[in-house]
Amino acid sequence: MECPNCGAYNPEGRTLCWKCDEPLPSKPERPKRREQVGRMSPWTWAILIILGAIWIFGQCGAPRRLQPSPQEPPAVLVQPTR
């Protein structure tokens, strides 16, 4: 950072100029973005909700029935004995 009074270069973090001992302007610090561990993005929530809705509607729907197959007569008829 350059001193606004004398123009000398000062490293970051200094409060006074090394050449003219005038106070250096402080930069407004940006709030640091916190790392949010375990937090899911909105896209992840949207995908989970859609998949959950599809699963629930699949479970609540009418059961799927197979077409009944026509019964075939037995291949060999058994005669009762006398």
PDB file of N, CA and C in Angstrom:
ATOM      1  N   MET A   1       0.852  -1.160   0.000  1.00  0.00           N
ATOM      2  CA  MET A   1       0.000   0.000   0.000  1.00  0.00           C
ATOM      3  C   MET A   1       0.904   1.231   0.000  1.00  0.00           C
ATOM      4  N   GLU A   2       0.486   2.206  -0.757  1.00  0.00           N
ATOM      5  CA  GLU A   2       1.258   3.452  -0.802  1.00  0.00           C
ATOM      6  C   GLU A   2       0.702   4.448   0.199  1.00  0.00           C
ATOM      7  N   CYS A   3       1.605   5.200   0.799  1.00  0.00           N
ATOM      8  CA  CYS A   3       1.217   6.235   1.767  1.00  0.00           C
ATOM      9  C   CYS A   3       0.578   7.398   0.999  1.00  0.00           C
ATOM     10  N   PRO A   4      -0.616   7.845   1.416  1.00  0.00           N
ATOM     11  CA  PRO A   4      -1.241   8.966   0.721  1.00  0.00           C
ATOM     12  C   PRO A   4      -0.506  10.295   0.970  1.00  0.00           C
ATOM     13  N   ASN A   5       0.330  10.347   2.011  1.00  0.00           N
ATOM     14  CA  ASN A   5       1.053  11.587   2.338  1.00  0.00           C
ATOM     15  C   ASN A   5       2.339  11.714   1.532  1.00  0.00           C
ATOM     16  N   CYS A   6       3.207  10.684   1.548  1.00  0.00           N
ATOM     17  CA  CYS A   6       4.511  10.793   0.887  1.00  0.00           C
ATOM     18  C   CYS A   6       4.663   9.870  -0.325  1.00  0.00           C
ATOM     19  N   GLY A   7       3.753   8.892  -0.491  1.00  0.00           N
ATOM     20  CA  GLY A   7       3.815   8.001  -1.654  1.00  0.00           C
ATOM     21  C   GLY A   7       4.733   6.814  -1.477  1.00  0.00           C
ATOM     22  N   ALA A   8       5.312   6.614  -0.301  1.00  0.00           N
ATOM     23  CA  ALA A   8       6.223   5.495  -0.056  1.00  0.00           C
ATOM     24  C   ALA A   8       5.422   4.196   0.071  1.00  0.00           C
ATOM     25  N   TYR A   9       6.054   3.123  -0.412  1.00  0.00           N
ATOM     26  CA  TYR A   9       5.406   1.818  -0.313  1.00  0.00           C
ATOM     27  C   TYR A   9       5.522   1.293   1.119  1.00  0.00           C
ATOM     28  N   ASN A  10       4.410   0.768   1.622  1.00  0.00           N
ATOM     29  CA  ASN A  10       4.374   0.160   2.950  1.00  0.00           C
ATOM     30  C   ASN A  10       3.766  -1.239   2.817  1.00  0.00           C
ATOM     31  N   PRO A  11       4.340  -2.214   3.487  1.00  0.00           N
ATOM     32  CA  PRO A  11       3.777  -3.556   3.410  1.00  0.00           C
ATOM     33  C   PRO A  11       2.384  -3.598   4.053  1.00  0.00           C
ATOM     34  N   GLU A  12       1.614  -4.591   3.649  1.00  0.00           N
ATOM     35  CA  GLU A  12       0.270  -4.771   4.210  1.00  0.00           C
ATOM     36  C   GLU A  12       0.364  -5.018   5.708  1.00  0.00           C
ATOM     37  N   GLY A  13      -0.598  -4.509   6.433  1.00  0.00           N
ATOM     38  CA  GLY A  13      -0.644  -4.735   7.862  1.00  0.00           C
ATOM     39  C   GLY A  13      -0.041  -3.602   8.684  1.00  0.00           C
ATOM     40  N   ARG A  14       0.644  -2.660   8.055  1.00  0.00           N
ATOM     41  CA  ARG A  14       1.218  -1.548   8.809  1.00  0.00           C
ATOM     42  C   ARG A  14       0.170  -0.486   9.049  1.00  0.00           C
ATOM     43  N   THR A  15       0.297   0.192  10.186  1.00  0.00           N
ATOM     44  CA  THR A  15      -0.637   1.274  10.518  1.00  0.00           C
ATOM     45  C   THR A  15      -0.002   2.649  10.341  1.00  0.00           C
ATOM     46  N   LEU A  16       1.347   2.702  10.401  1.00  0.00           N
ATOM     47  CA  LEU A  16       2.073   3.964  10.211  1.00  0.00           C
ATOM     48  C   LEU A  16       3.045   3.826   9.042  1.00  0.00           C
ATOM     49  N   CYS A  17       3.232   4.930   8.322  1.00  0.00           N
ATOM     50  CA  CYS A  17       4.184   4.928   7.215  1.00  0.00           C
ATOM     51  C   CYS A  17       5.607   4.874   7.772  1.00  0.00           C
ATOM     52  N   TRP A  18       6.461   4.072   7.147  1.00  0.00           N
ATOM     53  CA  TRP A  18       7.839   3.931   7.637  1.00  0.00           C
ATOM     54  C   TRP A  18       8.654   5.177   7.344  1.00  0.00           C
ATOM     55  N   LYS A  19       8.239   5.961   6.356  1.00  0.00           N
ATOM     56  CA  LYS A  19       9.031   7.128   5.947  1.00  0.00           C
ATOM     57  C   LYS A  19       8.584   8.409   6.659  1.00  0.00           C
ATOM     58  N   CYS A  20       7.273   8.679   6.710  1.00  0.00           N
ATOM     59  CA  CYS A  20       6.821   9.954   7.280  1.00  0.00           C
ATOM     60  C   CYS A  20       6.061   9.785   8.603  1.00  0.00           C
ATOM     61  N   ASP A  21       5.903   8.587   9.089  1.00  0.00           N
ATOM     62  CA  ASP A  21       5.218   8.270  10.343  1.00  0.00           C
ATOM     63  C   ASP A  21       3.787   8.802  10.422  1.00  0.00           C
ATOM     64  N   GLU A  22       3.156   8.961   9.274  1.00  0.00           N
ATOM     65  CA  GLU A  22       1.751   9.343   9.241  1.00  0.00           C
ATOM     66  C   GLU A  22       0.890   8.073   9.284  1.00  0.00           C
ATOM     67  N   PRO A  23      -0.288   8.146   9.893  1.00  0.00           N
ATOM     68  CA  PRO A  23      -1.158   6.968   9.909  1.00  0.00           C
ATOM     69  C   PRO A  23      -1.622   6.603   8.499  1.00  0.00           C
ATOM     70  N   LEU A  24      -1.608   5.342   8.226  1.00  0.00           N
ATOM     71  CA  LEU A  24      -2.064   4.841   6.929  1.00  0.00           C
ATOM     72  C   LEU A  24      -3.560   4.545   7.004  1.00  0.00           C
ATOM     73  N   PRO A  25      -4.260   4.768   5.911  1.00  0.00           N
ATOM     74  CA  PRO A  25      -5.694   4.439   5.940  1.00  0.00           C
ATOM     75  C   PRO A  25      -5.885   2.926   6.022  1.00  0.00           C
ATOM     76  N   SER A  26      -6.869   2.563   6.800  1.00  0.00           N
ATOM     77  CA  SER A  26      -7.116   1.116   6.922  1.00  0.00           C
ATOM     78  C   SER A  26      -8.165   0.716   5.893  1.00  0.00           C
ATOM     79  N   LYS A  27      -7.973  -0.455   5.310  1.00  0.00           N
ATOM     80  CA  LYS A  27      -8.935  -0.973   4.351  1.00  0.00           C
ATOM     81  C   LYS A  27     -10.099  -1.592   5.115  1.00  0.00           C
ATOM     82  N   PRO A  28     -11.291  -1.371   4.620  1.00  0.00           N
ATOM     83  CA  PRO A  28     -12.408  -2.050   5.292  1.00  0.00           C
ATOM     84  C   PRO A  28     -12.293  -3.556   5.066  1.00  0.00           C
ATOM     85  N   GLU A  29     -12.281  -4.269   6.146  1.00  0.00           N
ATOM     86  CA  GLU A  29     -12.117  -5.716   6.041  1.00  0.00           C
ATOM     87  C   GLU A  29     -13.421  -6.353   5.613  1.00  0.00           C
ATOM     88  N   ARG A  30     -13.315  -7.246   4.648  1.00  0.00           N
ATOM     89  CA  ARG A  30     -14.478  -8.002   4.219  1.00  0.00           C
ATOM     90  C   ARG A  30     -14.743  -9.094   5.244  1.00  0.00           C
ATOM     91  N   PRO A  31     -15.997  -9.298   5.548  1.00  0.00           N
ATOM     92  CA  PRO A  31     -16.270 -10.415   6.461  1.00  0.00           C
ATOM     93  C   PRO A  31     -15.891 -11.729   5.789  1.00  0.00           C
ATOM     94  N   LYS A  32     -15.163 -12.535   6.521  1.00  0.00           N
ATOM     95  CA  LYS A  32     -14.724 -13.805   5.964  1.00  0.00           C
ATOM     96  C   LYS A  32     -15.912 -14.745   5.837  1.00  0.00           C
ATOM     97  N   ARG A  33     -15.938 -15.417   4.714  1.00  0.00           N
ATOM     98  CA  ARG A  33     -17.010 -16.375   4.479  1.00  0.00           C
ATOM     99  C   ARG A  33     -16.701 -17.629   5.270  1.00  0.00           C
ATOM    100  N   ARG A  34     -17.644 -17.968   6.116  1.00  0.00           N
ATOM    101  CA  ARG A  34     -17.428 -19.160   6.937  1.00  0.00           C
ATOM    102  C   ARG A  34     -17.592 -20.406   6.099  1.00  0.00           C
ATOM    103  N   GLU A  35     -16.746 -21.342   6.355  1.00  0.00           N
ATOM    104  CA  GLU A  35     -16.865 -22.656   5.728  1.00  0.00           C
ATOM    105  C   GLU A  35     -17.968 -23.400   6.459  1.00  0.00           C
ATOM    106  N   GLN A  36     -18.997 -23.728   5.759  1.00  0.00           N
ATOM    107  CA  GLN A  36     -20.134 -24.394   6.392  1.00  0.00           C
ATOM    108  C   GLN A  36     -20.057 -25.877   6.086  1.00  0.00           C
ATOM    109  N   VAL A  37     -19.522 -26.598   7.031  1.00  0.00           N
ATOM    110  CA  VAL A  37     -19.345 -28.029   6.871  1.00  0.00           C
ATOM    111  C   VAL A  37     -20.684 -28.716   7.103  1.00  0.00           C
ATOM    112  N   GLY A  38     -21.003 -29.664   6.252  1.00  0.00           N
ATOM    113  CA  GLY A  38     -22.224 -30.418   6.414  1.00  0.00           C
ATOM    114  C   GLY A  38     -23.448 -29.722   5.865  1.00  0.00           C
ATOM    115  N   ARG A  39     -23.283 -28.640   5.201  1.00  0.00           N
ATOM    116  CA  ARG A  39     -24.405 -27.887   4.655  1.00  0.00           C
ATOM    117  C   ARG A  39     -24.564 -28.245   3.185  1.00  0.00           C
ATOM    118  N   MET A  40     -25.793 -28.572   2.770  1.00  0.00           N
ATOM    119  CA  MET A  40     -26.027 -28.958   1.380  1.00  0.00           C
ATOM    120  C   MET A  40     -26.513 -27.753   0.579  1.00  0.00           C
ATOM    121  N   SER A  41     -26.137 -27.722  -0.682  1.00  0.00           N
ATOM    122  CA  SER A  41     -26.544 -26.625  -1.547  1.00  0.00           C
ATOM    123  C   SER A  41     -28.022 -26.752  -1.896  1.00  0.00           C
ATOM    124  N   PRO A  42     -28.638 -25.676  -2.338  1.00  0.00           N
ATOM    125  CA  PRO A  42     -30.054 -25.743  -2.735  1.00  0.00           C
ATOM    126  C   PRO A  42     -30.310 -26.725  -3.871  1.00  0.00           C
ATOM    127  N   TRP A  43     -29.352 -26.885  -4.776  1.00  0.00           N
ATOM    128  CA  TRP A  43     -29.519 -27.851  -5.876  1.00  0.00           C
ATOM    129  C   TRP A  43     -29.579 -29.270  -5.337  1.00  0.00           C
ATOM    130  N   THR A  44     -28.787 -29.573  -4.343  1.00  0.00           N
ATOM    131  CA  THR A  44     -28.817 -30.910  -3.750  1.00  0.00           C
ATOM    132  C   THR A  44     -30.167 -31.169  -3.108  1.00  0.00           C
ATOM    133  N   TRP A  45     -30.707 -30.169  -2.388  1.00  0.00           N
ATOM    134  CA  TRP A  45     -32.031 -30.322  -1.774  1.00  0.00           C
ATOM    135  C   TRP A  45     -33.105 -30.529  -2.839  1.00  0.00           C
ATOM    136  N   ALA A  46     -33.031 -29.754  -3.930  1.00  0.00           N
ATOM    137  CA  ALA A  46     -34.039 -29.868  -4.988  1.00  0.00           C
ATOM    138  C   ALA A  46     -34.029 -31.264  -5.603  1.00  0.00           C
ATOM    139  N   ILE A  47     -32.846 -31.800  -5.866  1.00  0.00           N
ATOM    140  CA  ILE A  47     -32.745 -33.141  -6.454  1.00  0.00           C
ATOM    141  C   ILE A  47     -33.271 -34.181  -5.483  1.00  0.00           C
ATOM    142  N   LEU A  48     -32.935 -34.058  -4.200  1.00  0.00           N
ATOM    143  CA  LEU A  48     -33.425 -35.015  -3.208  1.00  0.00           C
ATOM    144  C   LEU A  48     -34.943 -34.971  -3.081  1.00  0.00           C
ATOM    145  N   ILE A  49     -35.521 -33.786  -3.126  1.00  0.00           N
ATOM    146  CA  ILE A  49     -36.980 -33.661  -3.025  1.00  0.00           C
ATOM    147  C   ILE A  49     -37.660 -34.275  -4.239  1.00  0.00           C
ATOM    148  N   ILE A  50     -37.127 -34.027  -5.424  1.00  0.00           N
ATOM    149  CA  ILE A  50     -37.715 -34.596  -6.638  1.00  0.00           C
ATOM    150  C   ILE A  50     -37.629 -36.116  -6.617  1.00  0.00           C
ATOM    151  N   LEU A  51     -36.466 -36.655  -6.259  1.00  0.00           N
ATOM    152  CA  LEU A  51     -36.324 -38.116  -6.205  1.00  0.00           C
ATOM    153  C   LEU A  51     -37.231 -38.729  -5.138  1.00  0.00           C
ATOM    154  N   GLY A  52     -37.368 -38.053  -4.006  1.00  0.00           N
ATOM    155  CA  GLY A  52     -38.262 -38.537  -2.955  1.00  0.00           C
ATOM    156  C   GLY A  52     -39.709 -38.539  -3.409  1.00  0.00           C
ATOM    157  N   ALA A  53     -40.128 -37.477  -4.109  1.00  0.00           N
ATOM    158  CA  ALA A  53     -41.504 -37.411  -4.601  1.00  0.00           C
ATOM    159  C   ALA A  53     -41.772 -38.514  -5.625  1.00  0.00           C
ATOM    160  N   ILE A  54     -40.822 -38.760  -6.511  1.00  0.00           N
ATOM    161  CA  ILE A  54     -40.989 -39.832  -7.492  1.00  0.00           C
ATOM    162  C   ILE A  54     -41.116 -41.172  -6.785  1.00  0.00           C
ATOM    163  N   TRP A  55     -40.303 -41.418  -5.778  1.00  0.00           N
ATOM    164  CA  TRP A  55     -40.363 -42.692  -5.050  1.00  0.00           C
ATOM    165  C   TRP A  55     -41.695 -42.834  -4.326  1.00  0.00           C
ATOM    166  N   ILE A  56     -42.148 -41.754  -3.655  1.00  0.00           N
ATOM    167  CA  ILE A  56     -43.413 -41.826  -2.909  1.00  0.00           C
ATOM    168  C   ILE A  56     -44.585 -42.060  -3.852  1.00  0.00           C
ATOM    169  N   PHE A  57     -44.639 -41.338  -4.961  1.00  0.00           N
ATOM    170  CA  PHE A  57     -45.736 -41.539  -5.898  1.00  0.00           C
ATOM    171  C   PHE A  57     -45.679 -42.927  -6.533  1.00  0.00           C
ATOM    172  N   GLY A  58     -44.498 -43.464  -6.693  1.00  0.00           N
ATOM    173  CA  GLY A  58     -44.369 -44.828  -7.204  1.00  0.00           C
ATOM    174  C   GLY A  58     -44.876 -45.859  -6.204  1.00  0.00           C
ATOM    175  N   GLN A  59     -44.700 -45.593  -4.908  1.00  0.00           N
ATOM    176  CA  GLN A  59     -45.160 -46.519  -3.880  1.00  0.00           C
ATOM    177  C   GLN A  59     -46.663 -46.407  -3.656  1.00  0.00           C
ATOM    178  N   CYS A  60     -47.236 -45.233  -3.833  1.00  0.00           N
ATOM    179  CA  CYS A  60     -48.648 -45.012  -3.548  1.00  0.00           C
ATOM    180  C   CYS A  60     -49.551 -45.357  -4.723  1.00  0.00           C
ATOM    181  N   GLY A  61     -48.999 -45.544  -5.866  1.00  0.00           N
ATOM    182  CA  GLY A  61     -49.816 -45.832  -7.043  1.00  0.00           C
ATOM    183  C   GLY A  61     -50.448 -47.214  -6.955  1.00  0.00           C
ATOM    184  N   ALA A  62     -51.381 -47.472  -7.876  1.00  0.00           N
ATOM    185  CA  ALA A  62     -52.038 -48.778  -7.916  1.00  0.00           C
ATOM    186  C   ALA A  62     -51.005 -49.858  -8.227  1.00  0.00           C
ATOM    187  N   PRO A  63     -51.182 -51.022  -7.616  1.00  0.00           N
ATOM    188  CA  PRO A  63     -50.208 -52.079  -7.900  1.00  0.00           C
ATOM    189  C   PRO A  63     -50.318 -52.511  -9.359  1.00  0.00           C
ATOM    190  N   ARG A  64     -49.226 -52.830  -9.914  1.00  0.00           N
ATOM    191  CA  ARG A  64     -49.198 -53.280 -11.304  1.00  0.00           C
ATOM    192  C   ARG A  64     -49.602 -54.743 -11.341  1.00  0.00           C
ATOM    193  N   ARG A  65     -50.540 -55.027 -12.202  1.00  0.00           N
ATOM    194  CA  ARG A  65     -51.005 -56.404 -12.315  1.00  0.00           C
ATOM    195  C   ARG A  65     -50.557 -56.981 -13.645  1.00  0.00           C
ATOM    196  N   LEU A  66     -50.130 -58.193 -13.590  1.00  0.00           N
ATOM    197  CA  LEU A  66     -49.753 -58.885 -14.804  1.00  0.00           C
ATOM    198  C   LEU A  66     -51.009 -59.427 -15.470  1.00  0.00           C
ATOM    199  N   GLN A  67     -50.982 -59.502 -16.761  1.00  0.00           N
ATOM    200  CA  GLN A  67     -52.118 -60.065 -17.483  1.00  0.00           C
ATOM    201  C   GLN A  67     -52.212 -61.549 -17.153  1.00  0.00           C
ATOM    202  N   PRO A  68     -53.415 -62.003 -16.792  1.00  0.00           N
ATOM    203  CA  PRO A  68     -53.513 -63.435 -16.484  1.00  0.00           C
ATOM    204  C   PRO A  68     -53.289 -64.261 -17.743  1.00  0.00           C
ATOM    205  N   SER A  69     -52.543 -65.322 -17.571  1.00  0.00           N
ATOM    206  CA  SER A  69     -52.285 -66.201 -18.718  1.00  0.00           C
ATOM    207  C   SER A  69     -53.420 -67.211 -18.825  1.00  0.00           C
ATOM    208  N   PRO A  70     -53.824 -67.506 -20.019  1.00  0.00           N
ATOM    209  CA  PRO A  70     -54.894 -68.504 -20.157  1.00  0.00           C
ATOM    210  C   PRO A  70     -54.408 -69.852 -19.637  1.00  0.00           C
ATOM    211  N   GLN A  71     -55.256 -70.505 -18.899  1.00  0.00           N
ATOM    212  CA  GLN A  71     -54.857 -71.795 -18.342  1.00  0.00           C
ATOM    213  C   GLN A  71     -54.877 -72.857 -19.432  1.00  0.00           C
ATOM    214  N   GLU A  72     -53.832 -73.589 -19.459  1.00  0.00           N
ATOM    215  CA  GLU A  72     -53.727 -74.668 -20.438  1.00  0.00           C
ATOM    216  C   GLU A  72     -54.272 -75.940 -19.816  1.00  0.00           C
ATOM    217  N   PRO A  73     -54.938 -76.712 -20.608  1.00  0.00           N
ATOM    218  CA  PRO A  73     -55.412 -77.987 -20.057  1.00  0.00           C
ATOM    219  C   PRO A  73     -54.225 -78.889 -19.726  1.00  0.00           C
ATOM    220  N   PRO A  74     -54.396 -79.757 -18.763  1.00  0.00           N
ATOM    221  CA  PRO A  74     -53.263 -80.635 -18.418  1.00  0.00           C
ATOM    222  C   PRO A  74     -52.886 -81.504 -19.625  1.00  0.00           C
ATOM    223  N   ALA A  75     -51.628 -81.816 -19.716  1.00  0.00           N
ATOM    224  CA  ALA A  75     -51.124 -82.591 -20.848  1.00  0.00           C
ATOM    225  C   ALA A  75     -51.640 -84.029 -20.806  1.00  0.00           C
ATOM    226  N   VAL A  76     -51.791 -84.600 -19.656  1.00  0.00           N
ATOM    227  CA  VAL A  76     -52.248 -85.989 -19.532  1.00  0.00           C
ATOM    228  C   VAL A  76     -53.440 -85.996 -18.602  1.00  0.00           C
ATOM    229  N   LEU A  77     -54.505 -86.601 -19.042  1.00  0.00           N
ATOM    230  CA  LEU A  77     -55.681 -86.743 -18.195  1.00  0.00           C
ATOM    231  C   LEU A  77     -55.540 -88.046 -17.438  1.00  0.00           C
ATOM    232  N   VAL A  78     -55.835 -87.975 -16.181  1.00  0.00           N
ATOM    233  CA  VAL A  78     -55.721 -89.169 -15.341  1.00  0.00           C
ATOM    234  C   VAL A  78     -57.132 -89.710 -15.152  1.00  0.00           C
ATOM    235  N   GLN A  79     -57.314 -91.005 -15.477  1.00  0.00           N
ATOM    236  CA  GLN A  79     -58.601 -91.659 -15.298  1.00  0.00           C
ATOM    237  C   GLN A  79     -58.652 -92.264 -13.908  1.00  0.00           C
ATOM    238  N   PRO A  80     -59.772 -92.103 -13.220  1.00  0.00           N
ATOM    239  CA  PRO A  80     -59.867 -92.724 -11.912  1.00  0.00           C
ATOM    240  C   PRO A  80     -59.905 -94.259 -12.060  1.00  0.00           C
ATOM    241  N   THR A  81     -59.354 -94.959 -11.149  1.00  0.00           N
ATOM    242  CA  THR A  81     -59.349 -96.434 -11.192  1.00  0.00           C
ATOM    243  C   THR A  81     -60.574 -96.966 -10.508  1.00  0.00           C
ATOM    244  N   ARG A  82     -61.080 -98.168 -10.971  1.00  0.00           N
ATOM    245  CA  ARG A  82     -62.262 -98.770 -10.374  1.00  0.00           C
ATOM    246  C   ARG A  82     -61.946 -99.839  -9.441  1.00  0.00           C
TER     247      ARG A  82
END
